[in-house]
PDB file of N, CA and C in Angstrom:
ATOM      1  N   MET A   1     -17.243  48.866 -45.759  1.00  0.00           N
ATOM      2  CA  MET A   1     -16.087  48.339 -45.061  1.00  0.00           C
ATOM      3  C   MET A   1     -15.781  46.953 -45.617  1.00  0.00           C
ATOM      4  N   ASN A   2     -14.553  46.716 -46.002  1.00  0.00           N
ATOM      5  CA  ASN A   2     -14.162  45.400 -46.468  1.00  0.00           C
ATOM      6  C   ASN A   2     -13.776  44.521 -45.294  1.00  0.00           C
ATOM      7  N   ARG A   3     -14.242  43.288 -45.309  1.00  0.00           N
ATOM      8  CA  ARG A   3     -13.968  42.335 -44.235  1.00  0.00           C
ATOM      9  C   ARG A   3     -12.787  41.466 -44.639  1.00  0.00           C
ATOM     10  N   PRO A   4     -11.966  41.078 -43.668  1.00  0.00           N
ATOM     11  CA  PRO A   4     -10.861  40.191 -44.003  1.00  0.00           C
ATOM     12  C   PRO A   4     -11.368  38.794 -44.317  1.00  0.00           C
ATOM     13  N   ALA A   5     -10.847  38.229 -45.338  1.00  0.00           N
ATOM     14  CA  ALA A   5     -11.133  36.849 -45.705  1.00  0.00           C
ATOM     15  C   ALA A   5      -9.819  36.263 -46.197  1.00  0.00           C
ATOM     16  N   CYS A   6      -9.745  34.966 -46.252  1.00  0.00           N
ATOM     17  CA  CYS A   6      -8.499  34.361 -46.698  1.00  0.00           C
ATOM     18  C   CYS A   6      -8.794  33.163 -47.587  1.00  0.00           C
ATOM     19  N   ARG A   7      -7.797  32.780 -48.329  1.00  0.00           N
ATOM     20  CA  ARG A   7      -7.842  31.540 -49.100  1.00  0.00           C
ATOM     21  C   ARG A   7      -7.105  30.514 -48.246  1.00  0.00           C
ATOM     22  N   TRP A   8      -7.782  29.435 -47.875  1.00  0.00           N
ATOM     23  CA  TRP A   8      -7.193  28.574 -46.846  1.00  0.00           C
ATOM     24  C   TRP A   8      -6.711  27.216 -47.292  1.00  0.00           C
ATOM     25  N   ASN A   9      -6.840  26.883 -48.564  1.00  0.00           N
ATOM     26  CA  ASN A   9      -6.270  25.614 -48.983  1.00  0.00           C
ATOM     27  C   ASN A   9      -5.817  25.703 -50.433  1.00  0.00           C
ATOM     28  N   SER A  10      -5.244  24.638 -50.922  1.00  0.00           N
ATOM     29  CA  SER A  10      -4.680  24.659 -52.269  1.00  0.00           C
ATOM     30  C   SER A  10      -5.733  24.866 -53.349  1.00  0.00           C
ATOM     31  N   SER A  11      -6.991  24.560 -53.060  1.00  0.00           N
ATOM     32  CA  SER A  11      -8.050  24.789 -54.043  1.00  0.00           C
ATOM     33  C   SER A  11      -8.526  26.240 -54.020  1.00  0.00           C
ATOM     34  N   GLY A  12      -8.027  27.031 -53.061  1.00  0.00           N
ATOM     35  CA  GLY A  12      -8.354  28.447 -53.002  1.00  0.00           C
ATOM     36  C   GLY A  12      -9.708  28.761 -52.402  1.00  0.00           C
ATOM     37  N   LYS A  13     -10.261  27.856 -51.610  1.00  0.00           N
ATOM     38  CA  LYS A  13     -11.560  28.105 -50.990  1.00  0.00           C
ATOM     39  C   LYS A  13     -11.484  29.327 -50.080  1.00  0.00           C
ATOM     40  N   LEU A  14     -12.479  30.189 -50.206  1.00  0.00           N
ATOM     41  CA  LEU A  14     -12.547  31.405 -49.407  1.00  0.00           C
ATOM     42  C   LEU A  14     -13.088  31.078 -48.023  1.00  0.00           C
ATOM     43  N   CYS A  15     -12.505  31.699 -46.995  1.00  0.00           N
ATOM     44  CA  CYS A  15     -12.997  31.480 -45.641  1.00  0.00           C
ATOM     45  C   CYS A  15     -13.117  32.812 -44.916  1.00  0.00           C
ATOM     46  N   PHE A  16     -13.871  32.793 -43.823  1.00  0.00           N
ATOM     47  CA  PHE A  16     -14.078  33.966 -42.984  1.00  0.00           C
ATOM     48  C   PHE A  16     -13.793  33.546 -41.557  1.00  0.00           C
ATOM     49  N   ALA A  17     -12.992  34.333 -40.853  1.00  0.00           N
ATOM     50  CA  ALA A  17     -12.634  34.025 -39.468  1.00  0.00           C
ATOM     51  C   ALA A  17     -13.147  35.125 -38.559  1.00  0.00           C
ATOM     52  N   HIS A  18     -13.637  34.716 -37.396  1.00  0.00           N
ATOM     53  CA  HIS A  18     -14.127  35.666 -36.409  1.00  0.00           C
ATOM     54  C   HIS A  18     -13.587  35.256 -35.040  1.00  0.00           C
ATOM     55  N   TRP A  19     -12.938  36.214 -34.337  1.00  0.00           N
ATOM     56  CA  TRP A  19     -12.405  35.947 -33.012  1.00  0.00           C
ATOM     57  C   TRP A  19     -13.547  35.695 -32.040  1.00  0.00           C
ATOM     58  N   LEU A  20     -13.406  34.627 -31.249  1.00  0.00           N
ATOM     59  CA  LEU A  20     -14.420  34.302 -30.249  1.00  0.00           C
ATOM     60  C   LEU A  20     -13.999  34.732 -28.851  1.00  0.00           C
ATOM     61  N   GLN A  21     -12.858  34.197 -28.394  1.00  0.00           N
ATOM     62  CA  GLN A  21     -12.464  34.451 -27.012  1.00  0.00           C
ATOM     63  C   GLN A  21     -11.025  33.989 -26.793  1.00  0.00           C
ATOM     64  N   GLU A  22     -10.495  34.394 -25.645  1.00  0.00           N
ATOM     65  CA  GLU A  22      -9.171  33.921 -25.233  1.00  0.00           C
ATOM     66  C   GLU A  22      -9.372  32.817 -24.209  1.00  0.00           C
ATOM     67  N   LEU A  23      -8.651  31.725 -24.395  1.00  0.00           N
ATOM     68  CA  LEU A  23      -8.723  30.585 -23.482  1.00  0.00           C
ATOM     69  C   LEU A  23      -7.311  30.172 -23.094  1.00  0.00           C
ATOM     70  N   GLU A  24      -6.959  30.364 -21.844  1.00  0.00           N
ATOM     71  CA  GLU A  24      -5.666  29.925 -21.321  1.00  0.00           C
ATOM     72  C   GLU A  24      -4.506  30.392 -22.208  1.00  0.00           C
ATOM     73  N   GLY A  25      -4.522  31.652 -22.594  1.00  0.00           N
ATOM     74  CA  GLY A  25      -3.440  32.220 -23.382  1.00  0.00           C
ATOM     75  C   GLY A  25      -3.514  31.949 -24.878  1.00  0.00           C
ATOM     76  N   LEU A  26      -4.554  31.225 -25.318  1.00  0.00           N
ATOM     77  CA  LEU A  26      -4.748  30.965 -26.749  1.00  0.00           C
ATOM     78  C   LEU A  26      -5.974  31.728 -27.225  1.00  0.00           C
ATOM     79  N   TRP A  27      -5.938  32.145 -28.472  1.00  0.00           N
ATOM     80  CA  TRP A  27      -7.077  32.838 -29.065  1.00  0.00           C
ATOM     81  C   TRP A  27      -7.909  31.846 -29.849  1.00  0.00           C
ATOM     82  N   GLN A  28      -9.200  31.880 -29.621  1.00  0.00           N
ATOM     83  CA  GLN A  28     -10.136  30.968 -30.271  1.00  0.00           C
ATOM     84  C   GLN A  28     -10.905  31.723 -31.352  1.00  0.00           C
ATOM     85  N   TYR A  29     -10.851  31.184 -32.564  1.00  0.00           N
ATOM     86  CA  TYR A  29     -11.570  31.749 -33.698  1.00  0.00           C
ATOM     87  C   TYR A  29     -12.558  30.716 -34.228  1.00  0.00           C
ATOM     88  N   VAL A  30     -13.649  31.193 -34.789  1.00  0.00           N
ATOM     89  CA  VAL A  30     -14.504  30.332 -35.582  1.00  0.00           C
ATOM     90  C   VAL A  30     -14.206  30.691 -37.034  1.00  0.00           C
ATOM     91  N   VAL A  31     -14.005  29.665 -37.854  1.00  0.00           N
ATOM     92  CA  VAL A  31     -13.652  29.846 -39.262  1.00  0.00           C
ATOM     93  C   VAL A  31     -14.643  29.049 -40.095  1.00  0.00           C
ATOM     94  N   VAL A  32     -15.216  29.718 -41.108  1.00  0.00           N
ATOM     95  CA  VAL A  32     -16.188  29.059 -41.980  1.00  0.00           C
ATOM     96  C   VAL A  32     -15.827  29.310 -43.435  1.00  0.00           C
ATOM     97  N   GLY A  33     -16.141  28.335 -44.266  1.00  0.00           N
ATOM     98  CA  GLY A  33     -15.991  28.513 -45.695  1.00  0.00           C
ATOM     99  C   GLY A  33     -17.137  29.373 -46.215  1.00  0.00           C
ATOM    100  N   ILE A  34     -16.814  30.325 -47.082  1.00  0.00           N
ATOM    101  CA  ILE A  34     -17.845  31.197 -47.661  1.00  0.00           C
ATOM    102  C   ILE A  34     -17.588  31.342 -49.158  1.00  0.00           C
ATOM    103  N   THR A  35     -18.490  32.030 -49.815  1.00  0.00           N
ATOM    104  CA  THR A  35     -18.351  32.323 -51.234  1.00  0.00           C
ATOM    105  C   THR A  35     -18.088  33.817 -51.413  1.00  0.00           C
ATOM    106  N   ASP A  36     -17.659  34.189 -52.601  1.00  0.00           N
ATOM    107  CA  ASP A  36     -17.486  35.610 -52.903  1.00  0.00           C
ATOM    108  C   ASP A  36     -18.802  36.356 -52.740  1.00  0.00           C
ATOM    109  N   THR A  37     -19.908  35.709 -53.089  1.00  0.00           N
ATOM    110  CA  THR A  37     -21.224  36.335 -52.958  1.00  0.00           C
ATOM    111  C   THR A  37     -21.533  36.654 -51.499  1.00  0.00           C
ATOM    112  N   ILE A  38     -21.278  35.699 -50.614  1.00  0.00           N
ATOM    113  CA  ILE A  38     -21.519  35.923 -49.184  1.00  0.00           C
ATOM    114  C   ILE A  38     -20.647  37.058 -48.671  1.00  0.00           C
ATOM    115  N   LEU A  39     -19.376  37.085 -49.070  1.00  0.00           N
ATOM    116  CA  LEU A  39     -18.486  38.163 -48.625  1.00  0.00           C
ATOM    117  C   LEU A  39     -18.978  39.513 -49.135  1.00  0.00           C
ATOM    118  N   ASN A  40     -19.409  39.578 -50.378  1.00  0.00           N
ATOM    119  CA  ASN A  40     -19.941  40.833 -50.920  1.00  0.00           C
ATOM    120  C   ASN A  40     -21.196  41.268 -50.176  1.00  0.00           C
ATOM    121  N   GLU A  41     -22.077  40.318 -49.852  1.00  0.00           N
ATOM    122  CA  GLU A  41     -23.301  40.648 -49.112  1.00  0.00           C
ATOM    123  C   GLU A  41     -22.964  41.155 -47.707  1.00  0.00           C
ATOM    124  N   LEU A  42     -21.956  40.573 -47.070  1.00  0.00           N
ATOM    125  CA  LEU A  42     -21.520  41.041 -45.762  1.00  0.00           C
ATOM    126  C   LEU A  42     -20.969  42.464 -45.873  1.00  0.00           C
ATOM    127  N   ASN A  43     -20.111  42.680 -46.851  1.00  0.00           N
ATOM    128  CA  ASN A  43     -19.517  44.008 -47.032  1.00  0.00           C
ATOM    129  C   ASN A  43     -20.559  45.069 -47.366  1.00  0.00           C
ATOM    130  N   ASN A  44     -21.651  44.669 -48.017  1.00  0.00           N
ATOM    131  CA  ASN A  44     -22.720  45.609 -48.382  1.00  0.00           C
ATOM    132  C   ASN A  44     -23.793  45.730 -47.309  1.00  0.00           C
ATOM    133  N   GLY A  45     -23.627  45.040 -46.178  1.00  0.00           N
ATOM    134  CA  GLY A  45     -24.596  45.109 -45.099  1.00  0.00           C
ATOM    135  C   GLY A  45     -25.849  44.285 -45.331  1.00  0.00           C
ATOM    136  N   GLU A  46     -25.815  43.398 -46.303  1.00  0.00           N
ATOM    137  CA  GLU A  46     -26.975  42.548 -46.608  1.00  0.00           C
ATOM    138  C   GLU A  46     -27.024  41.306 -45.731  1.00  0.00           C
ATOM    139  N   GLN A  47     -25.905  40.946 -45.119  1.00  0.00           N
ATOM    140  CA  GLN A  47     -25.846  39.841 -44.170  1.00  0.00           C
ATOM    141  C   GLN A  47     -25.099  40.334 -42.945  1.00  0.00           C
ATOM    142  N   SER A  48     -25.474  39.814 -41.793  1.00  0.00           N
ATOM    143  CA  SER A  48     -24.757  40.139 -40.557  1.00  0.00           C
ATOM    144  C   SER A  48     -23.601  39.156 -40.382  1.00  0.00           C
ATOM    145  N   ILE A  49     -22.705  39.476 -39.468  1.00  0.00           N
ATOM    146  CA  ILE A  49     -21.609  38.555 -39.173  1.00  0.00           C
ATOM    147  C   ILE A  49     -22.164  37.226 -38.682  1.00  0.00           C
ATOM    148  N   LEU A  50     -23.188  37.286 -37.845  1.00  0.00           N
ATOM    149  CA  LEU A  50     -23.798  36.067 -37.330  1.00  0.00           C
ATOM    150  C   LEU A  50     -24.364  35.210 -38.470  1.00  0.00           C
ATOM    151  N   ASP A  51     -25.014  35.848 -39.450  1.00  0.00           N
ATOM    152  CA  ASP A  51     -25.528  35.115 -40.611  1.00  0.00           C
ATOM    153  C   ASP A  51     -24.393  34.403 -41.342  1.00  0.00           C
ATOM    154  N   VAL A  52     -23.299  35.110 -41.547  1.00  0.00           N
ATOM    155  CA  VAL A  52     -22.166  34.550 -42.286  1.00  0.00           C
ATOM    156  C   VAL A  52     -21.561  33.375 -41.525  1.00  0.00           C
ATOM    157  N   LEU A  53     -21.489  33.471 -40.212  1.00  0.00           N
ATOM    158  CA  LEU A  53     -20.894  32.397 -39.424  1.00  0.00           C
ATOM    159  C   LEU A  53     -21.749  31.134 -39.381  1.00  0.00           C
ATOM    160  N   ARG A  54     -23.016  31.246 -39.707  1.00  0.00           N
ATOM    161  CA  ARG A  54     -23.909  30.083 -39.641  1.00  0.00           C
ATOM    162  C   ARG A  54     -23.809  29.220 -40.892  1.00  0.00           C
ATOM    163  N   GLN A  55     -22.610  28.859 -41.262  1.00  0.00           N
ATOM    164  CA  GLN A  55     -22.366  27.981 -42.395  1.00  0.00           C
ATOM    165  C   GLN A  55     -22.370  26.532 -41.904  1.00  0.00           C
ATOM    166  N   PRO A  56     -22.536  25.573 -42.823  1.00  0.00           N
ATOM    167  CA  PRO A  56     -22.701  24.175 -42.401  1.00  0.00           C
ATOM    168  C   PRO A  56     -21.493  23.532 -41.722  1.00  0.00           C
ATOM    169  N   ARG A  57     -20.280  24.005 -41.965  1.00  0.00           N
ATOM    170  CA  ARG A  57     -19.095  23.337 -41.406  1.00  0.00           C
ATOM    171  C   ARG A  57     -18.196  24.340 -40.686  1.00  0.00           C
ATOM    172  N   PRO A  58     -18.556  24.760 -39.481  1.00  0.00           N
ATOM    173  CA  PRO A  58     -17.688  25.684 -38.753  1.00  0.00           C
ATOM    174  C   PRO A  58     -16.498  24.950 -38.123  1.00  0.00           C
ATOM    175  N   TYR A  59     -15.383  25.617 -38.129  1.00  0.00           N
ATOM    176  CA  TYR A  59     -14.178  25.104 -37.470  1.00  0.00           C
ATOM    177  C   TYR A  59     -13.823  26.029 -36.323  1.00  0.00           C
ATOM    178  N   VAL A  60     -13.314  25.448 -35.257  1.00  0.00           N
ATOM    179  CA  VAL A  60     -12.737  26.223 -34.172  1.00  0.00           C
ATOM    180  C   VAL A  60     -11.228  26.096 -34.327  1.00  0.00           C
ATOM    181  N   VAL A  61     -10.573  27.241 -34.407  1.00  0.00           N
ATOM    182  CA  VAL A  61      -9.123  27.284 -34.580  1.00  0.00           C
ATOM    183  C   VAL A  61      -8.534  27.992 -33.364  1.00  0.00           C
ATOM    184  N   LEU A  62      -7.583  27.341 -32.723  1.00  0.00           N
ATOM    185  CA  LEU A  62      -6.864  27.932 -31.593  1.00  0.00           C
ATOM    186  C   LEU A  62      -5.479  28.340 -32.076  1.00  0.00           C
ATOM    187  N   VAL A  63      -5.117  29.603 -31.821  1.00  0.00           N
ATOM    188  CA  VAL A  63      -3.790  30.097 -32.189  1.00  0.00           C
ATOM    189  C   VAL A  63      -3.135  30.716 -30.963  1.00  0.00           C
ATOM    190  N   ASP A  64      -1.812  30.654 -30.940  1.00  0.00           N
ATOM    191  CA  ASP A  64      -1.115  31.311 -29.844  1.00  0.00           C
ATOM    192  C   ASP A  64      -0.922  32.782 -30.196  1.00  0.00           C
ATOM    193  N   GLN A  65      -0.286  33.507 -29.311  1.00  0.00           N
ATOM    194  CA  GLN A  65      -0.171  34.951 -29.503  1.00  0.00           C
ATOM    195  C   GLN A  65       0.834  35.342 -30.584  1.00  0.00           C
ATOM    196  N   GLN A  66       1.517  34.355 -31.149  1.00  0.00           N
ATOM    197  CA  GLN A  66       2.361  34.599 -32.321  1.00  0.00           C
ATOM    198  C   GLN A  66       1.635  34.161 -33.596  1.00  0.00           C
ATOM    199  N   PHE A  67       0.342  33.867 -33.472  1.00  0.00           N
ATOM    200  CA  PHE A  67      -0.518  33.413 -34.561  1.00  0.00           C
ATOM    201  C   PHE A  67      -0.084  32.073 -35.150  1.00  0.00           C
ATOM    202  N   VAL A  68       0.492  31.226 -34.329  1.00  0.00           N
ATOM    203  CA  VAL A  68       0.815  29.865 -34.726  1.00  0.00           C
ATOM    204  C   VAL A  68      -0.388  28.993 -34.372  1.00  0.00           C
ATOM    205  N   VAL A  69      -0.912  28.282 -35.356  1.00  0.00           N
ATOM    206  CA  VAL A  69      -2.092  27.446 -35.127  1.00  0.00           C
ATOM    207  C   VAL A  69      -1.722  26.282 -34.210  1.00  0.00           C
ATOM    208  N   GLN A  70      -2.501  26.138 -33.154  1.00  0.00           N
ATOM    209  CA  GLN A  70      -2.293  25.063 -32.188  1.00  0.00           C
ATOM    210  C   GLN A  70      -3.241  23.891 -32.424  1.00  0.00           C
ATOM    211  N   SER A  71      -4.458  24.195 -32.887  1.00  0.00           N
ATOM    212  CA  SER A  71      -5.408  23.121 -33.193  1.00  0.00           C
ATOM    213  C   SER A  71      -6.512  23.646 -34.101  1.00  0.00           C
ATOM    214  N   VAL A  72      -7.073  22.715 -34.866  1.00  0.00           N
ATOM    215  CA  VAL A  72      -8.215  22.993 -35.738  1.00  0.00           C
ATOM    216  C   VAL A  72      -9.212  21.862 -35.517  1.00  0.00           C
ATOM    217  N   SER A  73     -10.459  22.230 -35.191  1.00  0.00           N
ATOM    218  CA  SER A  73     -11.477  21.211 -34.924  1.00  0.00           C
ATOM    219  C   SER A  73     -12.762  21.544 -35.661  1.00  0.00           C
ATOM    220  N   LEU A  74     -13.279  20.577 -36.391  1.00  0.00           N
ATOM    221  CA  LEU A  74     -14.595  20.722 -36.983  1.00  0.00           C
ATOM    222  C   LEU A  74     -15.618  20.645 -35.854  1.00  0.00           C
ATOM    223  N   THR A  75     -16.608  21.532 -35.880  1.00  0.00           N
ATOM    224  CA  THR A  75     -17.591  21.570 -34.804  1.00  0.00           C
ATOM    225  C   THR A  75     -18.983  21.760 -35.393  1.00  0.00           C
ATOM    226  N   THR A  76     -19.931  22.029 -34.553  1.00  0.00           N
ATOM    227  CA  THR A  76     -21.285  22.354 -34.999  1.00  0.00           C
ATOM    228  C   THR A  76     -21.647  23.717 -34.425  1.00  0.00           C
ATOM    229  N   TRP A  77     -22.665  24.319 -34.988  1.00  0.00           N
ATOM    230  CA  TRP A  77     -23.115  25.623 -34.504  1.00  0.00           C
ATOM    231  C   TRP A  77     -23.472  25.553 -33.021  1.00  0.00           C
ATOM    232  N   GLU A  78     -24.138  24.496 -32.621  1.00  0.00           N
ATOM    233  CA  GLU A  78     -24.595  24.338 -31.238  1.00  0.00           C
ATOM    234  C   GLU A  78     -23.432  24.204 -30.255  1.00  0.00           C
ATOM    235  N   GLN A  79     -22.292  23.710 -30.712  1.00  0.00           N
ATOM    236  CA  GLN A  79     -21.147  23.519 -29.823  1.00  0.00           C
ATOM    237  C   GLN A  79     -20.302  24.782 -29.662  1.00  0.00           C
ATOM    238  N   LEU A  80     -20.549  25.794 -30.481  1.00  0.00           N
ATOM    239  CA  LEU A  80     -19.801  27.045 -30.343  1.00  0.00           C
ATOM    240  C   LEU A  80     -20.227  27.758 -29.070  1.00  0.00           C
ATOM    241  N   PRO A  81     -19.329  28.490 -28.433  1.00  0.00           N
ATOM    242  CA  PRO A  81     -19.698  29.237 -27.224  1.00  0.00           C
ATOM    243  C   PRO A  81     -20.633  30.390 -27.602  1.00  0.00           C
ATOM    244  N   GLN A  82     -21.914  30.183 -27.402  1.00  0.00           N
ATOM    245  CA  GLN A  82     -22.927  31.133 -27.856  1.00  0.00           C
ATOM    246  C   GLN A  82     -22.731  32.529 -27.256  1.00  0.00           C
ATOM    247  N   ASP A  83     -22.232  32.607 -26.029  1.00  0.00           N
ATOM    248  CA  ASP A  83     -22.028  33.908 -25.407  1.00  0.00           C
ATOM    249  C   ASP A  83     -20.833  34.656 -25.996  1.00  0.00           C
ATOM    250  N   ALA A  84     -20.009  33.991 -26.798  1.00  0.00           N
ATOM    251  CA  ALA A  84     -18.858  34.632 -27.441  1.00  0.00           C
ATOM    252  C   ALA A  84     -19.157  35.073 -28.871  1.00  0.00           C
ATOM    253  N   LEU A  85     -20.298  34.656 -29.402  1.00  0.00           N
ATOM    254  CA  LEU A  85     -20.662  35.027 -30.779  1.00  0.00           C
ATOM    255  C   LEU A  85     -21.147  36.469 -30.830  1.00  0.00           C
ATOM    256  N   PRO A  86     -21.043  37.094 -32.004  1.00  0.00           N
ATOM    257  CA  PRO A  86     -21.524  38.486 -32.100  1.00  0.00           C
ATOM    258  C   PRO A  86     -23.025  38.547 -31.921  1.00  0.00           C
ATOM    259  N   GLU A  87     -23.501  39.709 -31.493  1.00  0.00           N
ATOM    260  CA  GLU A  87     -24.927  39.893 -31.311  1.00  0.00           C
ATOM    261  C   GLU A  87     -25.639  39.884 -32.665  1.00  0.00           C
ATOM    262  N   ARG A  88     -26.889  39.452 -32.653  1.00  0.00           N
ATOM    263  CA  ARG A  88     -27.695  39.440 -33.870  1.00  0.00           C
ATOM    264  C   ARG A  88     -27.725  40.845 -34.465  1.00  0.00           C
ATOM    265  N   GLY A  89     -27.537  40.936 -35.767  1.00  0.00           N
ATOM    266  CA  GLY A  89     -27.586  42.203 -36.470  1.00  0.00           C
ATOM    267  C   GLY A  89     -26.257  42.932 -36.590  1.00  0.00           C
ATOM    268  N   THR A  90     -25.193  42.404 -35.942  1.00  0.00           N
ATOM    269  CA  THR A  90     -23.878  43.040 -36.048  1.00  0.00           C
ATOM    270  C   THR A  90     -23.357  42.903 -37.467  1.00  0.00           C
ATOM    271  N   ILE A  91     -23.001  44.053 -38.052  1.00  0.00           N
ATOM    272  CA  ILE A  91     -22.469  44.023 -39.424  1.00  0.00           C
ATOM    273  C   ILE A  91     -21.077  44.589 -39.477  1.00  0.00           C
TER     274      ILE A  91
END
C-alpha cells in the first residue's frame, strides 16, 4: 500500500501527515519531515506509522473542513495528544 506524502516547501522536502483528531470543527494533523527511505520502509511494512511519526521536529497543523490551513505549530513528541496517535505496530 502506498502512503500519501507531500513535498511541502520550495526545497522539496518530503513530509508525512497523519490525522489526529477534530477540535472545535478543525482537523488536527501531525506532520513530520521524512526521507524517501523512510517512506519506502513504511510502504514495505518495515516501519509502523508510529515509528515514522517519531521524527525530531513534529508539527501540528490545524485545517478547516475546506482544507485551508489555520495554524502550524512546531511541537515535541511529548506534547502530542498521545491518545490520538496510532497504536503501536499500526502499518
